[in-house]
Amino acid sequence: MKEIIYQILPRYWGSEDHRNGKFSDIDAKTLGYIKGLGVTSVWYTGIIRHATSSTEDPHIVKGDAGSPYAITDYYDVNPYLADNSDNRLKEFIDLVNRTHSEGLKVIIDFVPNHVSRAYNGACSPKGIEPLGKSDDTSKHWSPDNDFFYYPNERLSLPNDPEGEYMEFPAKASGNNFSPSPDINDWYETIRLNYCDFHTRTWDKMYGIVRYWASLGADGFRCDMVEMVPPQFFRWLIRRIKEEFPGISFIAEVYQADRYREYIDEVGFDLLYDKSGLYDTLRAVTQGNATAEGITRCWQFLGNLQPHMLNFLENHDEQRIASDFFACSAAKGLPALAVSLLLNEAPFMLYAGQELGERGMDNEPFSGINGRTTIFDWWRVGSLSRLWNTLHDAPGGLSSEEESILSRYREILQSAVSVQAFCCGKTYDLCYCQSPSFDRSRLFAWLRSDGKKTFLIVSNFSDREVIAEILIPKDASSYLGASLPSSISVSVPPEDYTLIQI
């Protein structure tokens, strides 16, 4: 079965009456909706306890809500997500159980490279020493230290000209080896020290992953993998899978020339294909590249294709419907067809994408940037309206949102229910078309399991295309199917056509 991952920040979800969503808001109706899209796994983002301005010094918190990637305790969940903060871990486990009851897997973040400057590890189990607790702060680096230090130097924060926040000695920031991080640095975080050989930091991080696996997590989306030595991940993944064979590890990576290393040598199950297919489809959609680049993507990947995680949105990227991307959710449909149906690779859907969420709100910290903020307490309009629709409350989805949702539901369900799309072969037809076929704005391909064959044509142009798609004899031989030599198609502007042959 083709894997579809649905990413959602629980604090976005729920009615507009609350400041933020709760674990309990992800109820049976919510999970039934997600399952009905064809989703197989839910990535709950922002579960592990992180710094907020109400709990930590605002100088080391971005926005009021703070980044989910500035963790203050690896063994705790965010109190603000619980109805009863004292009962928060049980409420999270209840969410895991509800999700499993719907036949869905649970994915959470593993943030290995950095933690909040306010990290305390107060909920660490008995016998587990919190990160940094016994570090020798007189040394810049030591294999026995969890962090990097600048002896005799005080931290200088870019948003603290008066020096109100005290950190002495200064620790290296998450992405910057300096006691004076820049405003564009991850100044709210401190970098972990791994070394490329086994250290006690390795053991502590293994214990953290094992802890969440034991609570029912089925997979981990691993943040900024390339900033951590691959030797650590190779050791970690093999050791965890010995005890939890079904666990999956997803790597956020950006160096395409290292894809094979992270799959074949390190052992990750899936990799972000941001630098390949995502960047290509975004450029084609915006008219900044030709559709011929799609062919180059799959040719470059070869047998790595099933290990890629395709996507068009996530919390780091701008929304398709934003003014910074396509200005319209509908204009993203040709790219959606390619990303979802081109090959066997899993696909990731970001909550609100299926509704055409624009990400154009003027949030206090993030501002208007085409993204849904991860730093502010904020209600996402489209998700609130979806909540209302699912719970029979006033103020439901608009007709435009219902329309784009219908298109997404249709193609997602096809992707997971039709064998040709789940595990069939792919045949790129672009090379064999007549000169009238516009290779710069059209992409055509076949998917087949030998029993059923489908032709898909994505039209990235702003005009309707009526074309005679040529199908060479080699396609029939390769796919093991009897196919016509050509087929006539009509493709609406900035859309796709899917036909069973």
Protein backbone atom coordinates (compact mmCIF):
# COMPACT_ATOMS: atom_id res chain seq x y z
CA MET A 1 0.00 0.00 0.00
CA LYS A 2 1.26 3.46 -0.87
CA GLU A 3 2.08 5.42 2.27
CA ILE A 4 0.45 8.82 2.74
CA ILE A 5 1.67 10.90 5.69
CA TYR A 6 -0.51 13.67 7.08
CA GLN A 7 1.43 16.35 8.97
CA ILE A 8 -0.48 18.32 11.58
CA LEU A 9 0.47 20.54 14.51
CA PRO A 10 -2.09 19.65 17.19
CA ARG A 11 -2.00 23.22 18.51
CA TYR A 12 -3.61 24.40 15.23
CA TRP A 13 -6.52 22.01 15.48
CA GLY A 14 -9.86 22.63 17.16
CA SER A 15 -12.57 25.26 17.41
CA GLU A 16 -11.84 28.99 17.36
CA ASP A 17 -12.98 29.22 20.99
CA HIS A 18 -9.63 28.02 22.29
CA ARG A 19 -6.20 29.61 22.20
CA ASN A 20 -4.72 26.39 20.87
CA GLY A 21 -5.75 22.86 20.06
CA LYS A 22 -5.48 19.95 22.47
CA PHE A 23 -4.67 16.27 22.18
CA SER A 24 -8.34 15.59 22.85
CA ASP A 25 -9.41 17.72 19.87
CA ILE A 26 -7.95 15.08 17.58
CA ASP A 27 -10.99 12.91 18.14
CA ALA A 28 -12.69 10.08 16.28
CA LYS A 29 -14.27 12.47 13.75
CA THR A 30 -10.90 14.07 13.06
CA LEU A 31 -9.11 10.77 12.64
CA GLY A 32 -11.97 9.40 10.53
CA TYR A 33 -11.58 12.40 8.21
CA ILE A 34 -7.82 11.90 7.96
CA LYS A 35 -8.22 8.18 7.32
CA GLY A 36 -10.85 8.94 4.68
CA LEU A 37 -8.33 10.93 2.69
CA GLY A 38 -6.33 7.75 2.17
CA VAL A 39 -3.78 8.64 4.83
CA THR A 40 -1.78 5.82 6.42
CA SER A 41 0.35 7.73 8.98
CA VAL A 42 -0.06 10.93 10.98
CA TRP A 43 2.97 13.06 11.76
CA TYR A 44 2.12 14.92 14.96
CA THR A 45 4.44 17.93 14.94
CA GLY A 46 5.25 19.83 18.12
CA ILE A 47 4.56 17.11 20.67
CA ILE A 48 7.76 17.12 22.74
CA ARG A 49 7.99 19.94 25.26
CA HIS A 50 9.55 23.10 23.85
CA ALA A 51 10.22 26.64 25.01
CA THR A 52 7.39 29.19 25.00
CA SER A 53 7.48 32.83 26.09
CA SER A 54 5.19 32.03 29.02
CA THR A 55 7.60 29.46 30.45
CA GLU A 56 11.04 30.74 29.41
CA ASP A 57 12.89 34.02 29.02
CA PRO A 58 11.43 35.69 25.86
CA HIS A 59 14.93 36.50 24.62
CA ILE A 60 15.48 32.82 23.85
CA VAL A 61 12.03 32.14 22.39
CA LYS A 62 11.01 32.98 18.84
CA GLY A 63 7.47 34.31 18.97
CA ASP A 64 5.09 33.79 21.87
CA ALA A 65 4.43 30.13 21.15
CA GLY A 66 8.04 29.28 20.40
CA SER A 67 9.52 26.81 17.96
CA PRO A 68 8.62 23.11 18.30
CA TYR A 69 12.29 22.53 17.50
CA ALA A 70 13.60 24.30 20.61
CA ILE A 71 13.05 21.42 23.02
CA THR A 72 13.29 21.96 26.78
CA ASP A 73 12.70 18.36 27.85
CA TYR A 74 13.01 15.30 25.61
CA TYR A 75 11.01 13.21 28.11
CA ASP A 76 7.96 15.47 28.32
CA VAL A 77 5.09 16.63 26.15
CA ASN A 78 3.77 20.16 25.91
CA PRO A 79 1.47 21.00 28.84
CA TYR A 80 -0.54 23.38 26.66
CA LEU A 81 -1.72 20.41 24.56
CA ALA A 82 -3.39 18.71 27.52
CA ASP A 83 -6.79 19.35 29.09
CA ASN A 84 -5.14 18.57 32.43
CA SER A 85 -1.45 19.48 32.30
CA ASP A 86 -0.67 17.11 35.18
CA ASN A 87 -2.08 14.28 33.08
CA ARG A 88 -0.43 15.32 29.81
CA LEU A 89 1.59 12.19 29.10
CA LYS A 90 -1.44 9.95 29.50
CA GLU A 91 -3.43 12.25 27.23
CA PHE A 92 -0.72 11.89 24.59
CA ILE A 93 -0.73 8.11 24.95
CA ASP A 94 -4.53 8.19 24.57
CA LEU A 95 -4.03 10.08 21.29
CA VAL A 96 -1.57 7.43 20.13
CA ASN A 97 -4.09 4.71 20.97
CA ARG A 98 -6.94 6.55 19.19
CA THR A 99 -4.77 6.93 16.13
CA HIS A 100 -3.83 3.26 16.14
CA SER A 101 -7.49 2.31 16.57
CA GLU A 102 -8.20 3.98 13.24
CA GLY A 103 -5.50 1.88 11.60
CA LEU A 104 -3.15 4.85 11.34
CA LYS A 105 0.51 4.95 12.35
CA VAL A 106 2.01 7.66 14.55
CA ILE A 107 5.09 9.65 13.57
CA ILE A 108 6.71 12.25 15.84
CA ASP A 109 9.78 14.45 15.55
CA PHE A 110 13.24 13.48 16.68
CA VAL A 111 15.32 16.66 16.89
CA PRO A 112 18.89 15.39 17.25
CA ASN A 113 21.01 18.43 16.44
CA HIS A 114 19.96 21.01 19.02
CA VAL A 115 17.80 21.81 22.03
CA SER A 116 16.48 25.00 23.63
CA ARG A 117 18.90 27.16 25.60
CA ALA A 118 16.49 26.54 28.45
CA TYR A 119 16.79 22.74 28.27
CA ASN A 120 16.39 21.18 31.72
CA GLY A 121 15.29 17.56 31.27
CA ALA A 122 13.22 17.78 34.45
CA CYS A 123 11.11 14.77 33.45
CA SER A 124 14.03 12.50 32.65
CA PRO A 125 13.37 9.04 34.09
CA LYS A 126 15.15 8.00 37.25
CA GLY A 127 18.75 7.14 36.49
CA ILE A 128 18.81 9.17 33.26
CA GLU A 129 21.07 12.22 33.43
CA PRO A 130 19.71 15.28 31.56
CA LEU A 131 21.76 16.63 28.70
CA GLY A 132 24.61 18.88 29.79
CA LYS A 133 24.17 18.24 33.51
CA SER A 134 27.73 17.04 34.16
CA ASP A 135 29.53 18.88 31.33
CA ASP A 136 32.92 20.44 32.00
CA THR A 137 32.13 24.03 31.01
CA SER A 138 35.77 25.07 31.24
CA LYS A 139 36.43 23.30 27.93
CA HIS A 140 35.24 24.42 24.51
CA TRP A 141 34.99 20.79 23.45
CA SER A 142 35.29 17.48 25.18
CA PRO A 143 34.05 14.05 24.03
CA ASP A 144 32.34 13.76 27.42
CA ASN A 145 30.39 17.02 27.01
CA ASP A 146 26.92 17.19 25.51
CA PHE A 147 27.36 20.84 24.41
CA PHE A 148 30.06 23.17 23.07
CA TYR A 149 31.21 26.03 25.33
CA TYR A 150 33.08 29.33 25.08
CA PRO A 151 34.97 29.55 28.40
CA ASN A 152 35.18 33.07 29.83
CA GLU A 153 32.80 34.44 27.18
CA ARG A 154 29.24 35.55 27.76
CA LEU A 155 26.49 34.86 25.24
CA SER A 156 25.51 37.86 23.12
CA LEU A 157 22.04 37.57 21.64
CA PRO A 158 21.00 39.59 18.56
CA ASN A 159 17.65 40.53 20.13
CA ASP A 160 19.11 41.49 23.51
CA PRO A 161 21.25 44.63 23.09
CA GLU A 162 21.10 45.41 26.82
CA GLY A 163 22.40 41.97 27.76
CA GLU A 164 19.42 41.09 29.96
CA TYR A 165 19.73 37.36 29.34
CA MET A 166 22.67 35.74 31.10
CA GLU A 167 24.42 32.68 29.73
CA PHE A 168 27.98 32.21 30.95
CA PRO A 169 29.91 30.57 29.56
CA ALA A 170 28.19 30.88 26.21
CA LYS A 171 27.16 27.72 24.38
CA ALA A 172 27.35 27.23 20.62
CA SER A 173 24.04 27.85 18.85
CA GLY A 174 22.21 25.14 16.92
CA ASN A 175 23.64 26.17 13.56
CA ASN A 176 26.50 28.49 14.50
CA PHE A 177 29.78 27.98 16.31
CA SER A 178 29.91 31.43 17.87
CA PRO A 179 29.12 33.07 21.23
CA SER A 180 27.40 35.85 19.22
CA PRO A 181 24.74 34.35 16.94
CA ASP A 182 23.10 36.49 14.25
CA ILE A 183 19.39 37.35 14.07
CA ASN A 184 19.03 34.80 11.24
CA ASP A 185 20.73 32.05 13.26
CA TRP A 186 19.00 29.54 15.49
CA TYR A 187 19.98 31.70 18.44
CA GLU A 188 17.27 30.21 20.65
CA THR A 189 18.93 26.79 20.53
CA ILE A 190 22.21 25.14 21.54
CA ARG A 191 24.03 22.54 19.50
CA LEU A 192 24.60 18.99 20.68
CA ASN A 193 28.06 17.42 20.55
CA TYR A 194 28.05 13.98 18.95
CA CYS A 195 31.55 13.30 17.64
CA ASP A 196 31.95 10.69 14.91
CA PHE A 197 32.60 7.99 17.48
CA HIS A 198 30.51 6.51 20.30
CA THR A 199 30.02 8.93 23.22
CA ARG A 200 27.66 9.24 26.15
CA THR A 201 25.65 11.76 24.10
CA TRP A 202 24.93 8.91 21.68
CA ASP A 203 23.63 6.80 24.55
CA LYS A 204 21.43 9.60 25.86
CA MET A 205 19.86 10.20 22.46
CA TYR A 206 19.32 6.48 21.94
CA GLY A 207 17.49 6.39 25.28
CA ILE A 208 15.23 9.22 24.13
CA VAL A 209 14.25 7.52 20.86
CA ARG A 210 13.72 4.21 22.64
CA TYR A 211 11.47 5.92 25.19
CA TRP A 212 9.10 7.31 22.55
CA ALA A 213 9.11 4.05 20.61
CA SER A 214 8.07 2.26 23.79
CA LEU A 215 5.13 4.67 24.13
CA GLY A 216 3.82 3.68 20.71
CA ALA A 217 5.52 5.92 18.15
CA ASP A 218 5.75 4.05 14.85
CA GLY A 219 8.23 6.38 13.21
CA PHE A 220 10.45 9.41 13.62
CA ARG A 221 10.89 12.36 11.32
CA CYS A 222 14.52 13.24 12.01
CA ASP A 223 15.26 16.95 11.86
CA MET A 224 18.32 18.37 10.04
CA VAL A 225 20.04 15.01 9.67
CA GLU A 226 23.01 16.36 7.76
CA MET A 227 24.13 18.34 10.83
CA VAL A 228 24.65 15.12 12.83
CA PRO A 229 27.40 12.56 12.09
CA PRO A 230 26.05 9.68 9.96
CA GLN A 231 27.94 7.26 12.20
CA PHE A 232 25.51 8.08 15.01
CA PHE A 233 22.41 7.47 12.92
CA ARG A 234 23.77 4.21 11.53
CA TRP A 235 24.31 2.96 15.10
CA LEU A 236 21.01 4.35 16.39
CA ILE A 237 18.76 3.01 13.63
CA ARG A 238 20.18 -0.48 13.72
CA ARG A 239 19.94 -0.69 17.49
CA ILE A 240 16.37 0.65 17.67
CA LYS A 241 15.18 -1.65 14.89
CA GLU A 242 16.57 -4.67 16.66
CA GLU A 243 14.03 -4.04 19.43
CA PHE A 244 11.29 -2.32 17.39
CA PRO A 245 11.47 -3.88 13.90
CA GLY A 246 8.53 -1.94 12.52
CA ILE A 247 9.90 1.51 13.37
CA SER A 248 10.60 3.84 10.45
CA PHE A 249 13.08 6.71 10.22
CA ILE A 250 12.51 9.65 7.90
CA ALA A 251 15.42 12.00 7.21
CA GLU A 252 15.16 15.70 6.48
CA VAL A 253 18.06 15.97 4.04
CA TYR A 254 18.90 18.45 1.29
CA GLN A 255 22.11 17.17 -0.33
CA ALA A 256 20.92 15.00 -3.21
CA ASP A 257 24.39 13.60 -3.76
CA ARG A 258 24.18 11.99 -0.33
CA TYR A 259 20.80 10.29 -0.82
CA ARG A 260 22.30 6.86 -1.51
CA GLU A 261 24.57 7.10 1.52
CA TYR A 262 21.66 7.80 3.84
CA ILE A 263 19.61 4.90 2.46
CA ASP A 264 22.18 2.20 1.73
CA GLU A 265 24.79 2.92 4.40
CA VAL A 266 23.04 4.77 7.23
CA GLY A 267 19.74 2.91 7.09
CA PHE A 268 17.01 5.55 6.79
CA ASP A 269 13.71 4.34 5.36
CA LEU A 270 12.69 7.58 3.68
CA LEU A 271 14.36 10.86 2.69
CA TYR A 272 12.88 14.25 1.92
CA ASP A 273 13.18 14.82 -1.84
CA LYS A 274 13.13 18.57 -1.39
CA SER A 275 16.22 19.28 -3.51
CA GLY A 276 14.94 17.08 -6.32
CA LEU A 277 11.27 16.69 -7.16
CA TYR A 278 9.91 19.42 -4.85
CA ASP A 279 12.22 22.12 -6.15
CA THR A 280 11.60 21.00 -9.73
CA LEU A 281 7.80 20.96 -9.45
CA ARG A 282 7.74 24.33 -7.73
CA ALA A 283 9.90 25.86 -10.47
CA VAL A 284 7.78 24.29 -13.24
CA THR A 285 4.54 25.47 -11.60
CA GLN A 286 5.88 29.00 -11.38
CA GLY A 287 7.10 28.96 -14.98
CA ASN A 288 10.75 29.14 -13.97
CA ALA A 289 11.72 25.71 -15.36
CA THR A 290 10.48 23.24 -17.95
CA ALA A 291 8.64 20.00 -17.27
CA GLU A 292 11.60 18.16 -18.78
CA GLY A 293 13.23 18.50 -15.36
CA ILE A 294 10.77 15.93 -13.99
CA THR A 295 12.33 13.28 -16.22
CA ARG A 296 15.78 14.23 -14.96
CA CYS A 297 14.55 13.78 -11.36
CA TRP A 298 13.55 10.13 -11.71
CA GLN A 299 16.56 9.34 -13.86
CA PHE A 300 18.86 10.72 -11.17
CA LEU A 301 17.18 8.71 -8.42
CA GLY A 302 16.99 5.36 -10.18
CA ASN A 303 16.18 2.61 -7.67
CA LEU A 304 16.10 5.12 -4.80
CA GLN A 305 12.69 6.40 -5.89
CA PRO A 306 10.66 4.26 -3.43
CA HIS A 307 12.76 5.68 -0.58
CA MET A 308 11.90 9.30 -1.33
CA LEU A 309 9.21 11.22 0.54
CA ASN A 310 7.46 13.43 -1.99
CA PHE A 311 5.62 16.56 -0.88
CA LEU A 312 4.47 19.99 -2.02
CA GLU A 313 4.03 21.56 1.42
CA ASN A 314 5.29 21.22 4.97
CA HIS A 315 5.87 23.60 7.87
CA ASP A 316 9.14 24.87 6.35
CA GLU A 317 7.79 25.56 2.87
CA GLN A 318 5.41 28.17 1.52
CA ARG A 319 1.82 27.17 0.87
CA ILE A 320 0.95 26.38 -2.76
CA ALA A 321 -1.94 28.86 -2.68
CA SER A 322 0.20 31.66 -1.22
CA ASP A 323 1.24 34.69 -3.22
CA PHE A 324 4.81 33.39 -2.98
CA PHE A 325 4.13 30.08 -4.77
CA ALA A 326 1.20 29.57 -7.15
CA CYS A 327 -1.38 32.05 -5.80
CA SER A 328 -4.04 29.35 -6.13
CA ALA A 329 -4.45 25.83 -4.77
CA ALA A 330 -5.92 24.72 -8.11
CA LYS A 331 -2.74 25.70 -9.95
CA GLY A 332 -0.90 23.13 -7.85
CA LEU A 333 -2.95 20.20 -9.17
CA PRO A 334 -0.58 19.26 -12.04
CA ALA A 335 2.32 19.13 -9.57
CA LEU A 336 0.16 17.14 -7.13
CA ALA A 337 -0.51 14.50 -9.78
CA VAL A 338 3.22 14.12 -10.48
CA SER A 339 4.27 14.11 -6.84
CA LEU A 340 1.60 11.60 -5.85
CA LEU A 341 1.29 9.33 -8.89
CA LEU A 342 4.66 9.34 -10.68
CA ASN A 343 6.14 6.43 -8.73
CA GLU A 344 5.84 4.29 -5.60
CA ALA A 345 7.32 6.94 -3.32
CA PRO A 346 5.27 7.88 -0.25
CA PHE A 347 3.62 11.29 -0.22
CA MET A 348 3.28 13.84 2.57
CA LEU A 349 0.27 16.14 2.95
CA TYR A 350 0.37 19.19 5.22
CA ALA A 351 -2.83 19.93 7.16
CA GLY A 352 -4.77 22.60 5.30
CA GLN A 353 -3.10 21.91 1.96
CA GLU A 354 -6.11 19.89 0.86
CA LEU A 355 -8.30 22.93 1.60
CA GLY A 356 -6.20 25.46 -0.27
CA GLU A 357 -4.87 27.15 2.88
CA ARG A 358 -2.94 30.23 1.71
CA GLY A 359 -0.64 30.90 4.64
CA MET A 360 -1.00 34.63 4.05
CA ASP A 361 -1.92 35.65 7.60
CA ASN A 362 0.04 38.48 9.21
CA GLU A 363 1.14 36.66 12.36
CA PRO A 364 2.96 38.71 15.04
CA PHE A 365 6.34 36.97 14.73
CA SER A 366 6.27 35.23 11.36
CA GLY A 367 4.48 37.95 9.40
CA ILE A 368 3.16 37.49 5.88
CA ASN A 369 5.53 34.98 4.34
CA GLY A 370 3.32 32.34 2.74
CA ARG A 371 3.88 29.87 5.57
CA THR A 372 1.69 28.82 8.45
CA THR A 373 3.51 30.08 11.53
CA ILE A 374 5.18 27.66 13.92
CA PHE A 375 6.16 30.49 16.28
CA ASP A 376 2.85 32.19 17.13
CA TRP A 377 -0.33 31.27 18.98
CA TRP A 378 -2.60 31.28 15.95
CA ARG A 379 -5.81 29.89 14.60
CA VAL A 380 -5.58 28.74 10.98
CA GLY A 381 -8.79 29.80 9.28
CA SER A 382 -9.21 26.87 6.90
CA LEU A 383 -8.53 24.32 9.65
CA SER A 384 -11.01 25.98 12.01
CA ARG A 385 -13.63 25.85 9.27
CA LEU A 386 -12.80 22.19 8.66
CA TRP A 387 -13.20 21.51 12.37
CA ASN A 388 -16.64 23.17 12.24
CA THR A 389 -17.67 21.10 9.23
CA LEU A 390 -16.61 17.83 10.84
CA HIS A 391 -18.36 18.69 14.09
CA ASP A 392 -21.57 20.14 12.58
CA ALA A 393 -20.83 23.62 13.90
CA PRO A 394 -21.58 26.94 12.18
CA GLY A 395 -18.94 28.49 9.97
CA GLY A 396 -17.89 25.48 7.89
CA LEU A 397 -15.82 25.19 4.74
CA SER A 398 -16.40 27.55 1.85
CA SER A 399 -17.50 26.20 -1.53
CA GLU A 400 -13.98 26.83 -2.87
CA GLU A 401 -12.46 24.84 -0.01
CA GLU A 402 -14.96 22.03 -0.53
CA SER A 403 -14.08 21.96 -4.22
CA ILE A 404 -10.33 21.65 -3.74
CA LEU A 405 -10.86 19.10 -0.95
CA SER A 406 -12.94 16.99 -3.33
CA ARG A 407 -10.13 17.00 -5.89
CA TYR A 408 -7.54 16.06 -3.27
CA ARG A 409 -9.70 13.31 -1.79
CA GLU A 410 -10.29 11.79 -5.22
CA ILE A 411 -6.63 11.59 -6.24
CA LEU A 412 -5.39 10.56 -2.78
CA GLN A 413 -7.86 7.70 -2.57
CA SER A 414 -6.88 6.57 -6.08
CA ALA A 415 -3.22 6.61 -5.08
CA VAL A 416 -3.77 4.20 -2.18
CA SER A 417 -6.50 1.98 -3.61
CA VAL A 418 -5.40 1.36 -7.21
CA GLN A 419 -2.65 -1.25 -7.48
CA ALA A 420 -1.13 0.43 -10.51
CA PHE A 421 -0.41 3.51 -8.38
CA CYS A 422 0.51 1.65 -5.21
CA CYS A 423 3.14 -0.63 -6.66
CA GLY A 424 2.91 -0.52 -10.45
CA LYS A 425 5.64 0.32 -12.93
CA THR A 426 6.14 3.79 -14.41
CA TYR A 427 6.78 4.65 -18.04
CA ASP A 428 7.73 8.23 -18.95
CA LEU A 429 6.17 9.06 -22.34
CA CYS A 430 7.68 12.48 -22.94
CA TYR A 431 10.65 11.33 -25.02
CA CYS A 432 8.55 9.76 -27.77
CA GLN A 433 5.97 12.45 -28.47
CA SER A 434 5.53 14.41 -31.69
CA PRO A 435 7.07 17.88 -32.10
CA SER A 436 3.68 19.44 -31.30
CA PHE A 437 3.86 18.05 -27.75
CA ASP A 438 5.02 20.91 -25.52
CA ARG A 439 7.65 19.25 -23.35
CA SER A 440 8.21 22.49 -21.46
CA ARG A 441 4.67 22.60 -20.03
CA LEU A 442 3.36 19.02 -20.36
CA PHE A 443 4.38 15.82 -18.63
CA ALA A 444 2.85 12.46 -19.61
CA TRP A 445 3.42 9.02 -18.14
CA LEU A 446 1.90 5.57 -17.68
CA ARG A 447 1.37 3.54 -14.51
CA SER A 448 0.54 -0.15 -14.73
CA ASP A 449 0.44 -3.29 -12.64
CA GLY A 450 0.11 -5.44 -15.77
CA LYS A 451 -3.65 -5.74 -15.33
CA LYS A 452 -4.74 -2.11 -15.35
CA THR A 453 -2.89 0.71 -17.04
CA PHE A 454 -3.43 4.44 -16.59
CA LEU A 455 -2.31 7.43 -18.60
CA ILE A 456 -1.70 10.63 -16.65
CA VAL A 457 -0.98 13.98 -18.28
CA SER A 458 -0.13 17.07 -16.23
CA ASN A 459 -0.64 20.40 -17.94
CA PHE A 460 1.37 23.21 -16.38
CA SER A 461 0.29 25.74 -19.02
CA ASP A 462 -2.57 28.24 -18.75
CA ARG A 463 -4.37 26.89 -21.82
CA GLU A 464 -6.38 23.76 -22.56
CA VAL A 465 -4.39 21.07 -24.33
CA ILE A 466 -5.88 18.59 -26.78
CA ALA A 467 -3.22 16.12 -27.76
CA GLU A 468 -2.62 12.74 -29.35
CA ILE A 469 -0.35 10.93 -26.86
CA LEU A 470 1.89 8.40 -28.62
CA ILE A 471 2.56 5.09 -26.85
CA PRO A 472 5.55 3.12 -28.17
CA LYS A 473 5.61 -0.67 -28.40
CA ASP A 474 8.38 -0.68 -25.82
CA ALA A 475 5.86 0.59 -23.23
CA SER A 476 3.63 -2.44 -23.74
CA SER A 477 6.60 -4.78 -23.39
CA TYR A 478 7.98 -3.06 -20.29
CA LEU A 479 4.63 -2.78 -18.50
CA GLY A 480 3.39 -6.23 -19.52
CA ALA A 481 0.18 -4.77 -20.90
CA SER A 482 -1.51 -4.60 -24.28
CA LEU A 483 -1.68 -0.89 -25.15
CA PRO A 484 -2.87 1.16 -28.12
CA SER A 485 -0.34 3.06 -30.22
CA SER A 486 -1.88 6.38 -29.25
CA ILE A 487 -4.70 7.93 -27.28
CA SER A 488 -6.41 11.32 -27.54
CA VAL A 489 -6.64 13.42 -24.40
CA SER A 490 -8.00 16.78 -23.39
CA VAL A 491 -6.32 18.42 -20.40
CA PRO A 492 -7.76 21.57 -18.80
CA PRO A 493 -5.38 24.46 -18.16
CA GLU A 494 -3.23 24.07 -15.05
CA ASP A 495 -4.72 20.66 -14.30
CA TYR A 496 -4.21 16.99 -15.02
CA THR A 497 -6.10 14.22 -16.80
CA LEU A 498 -6.12 10.59 -15.65
CA ILE A 499 -7.47 7.92 -18.00
CA GLN A 500 -7.60 4.14 -17.69
CA ILE A 501 -6.49 2.63 -20.97
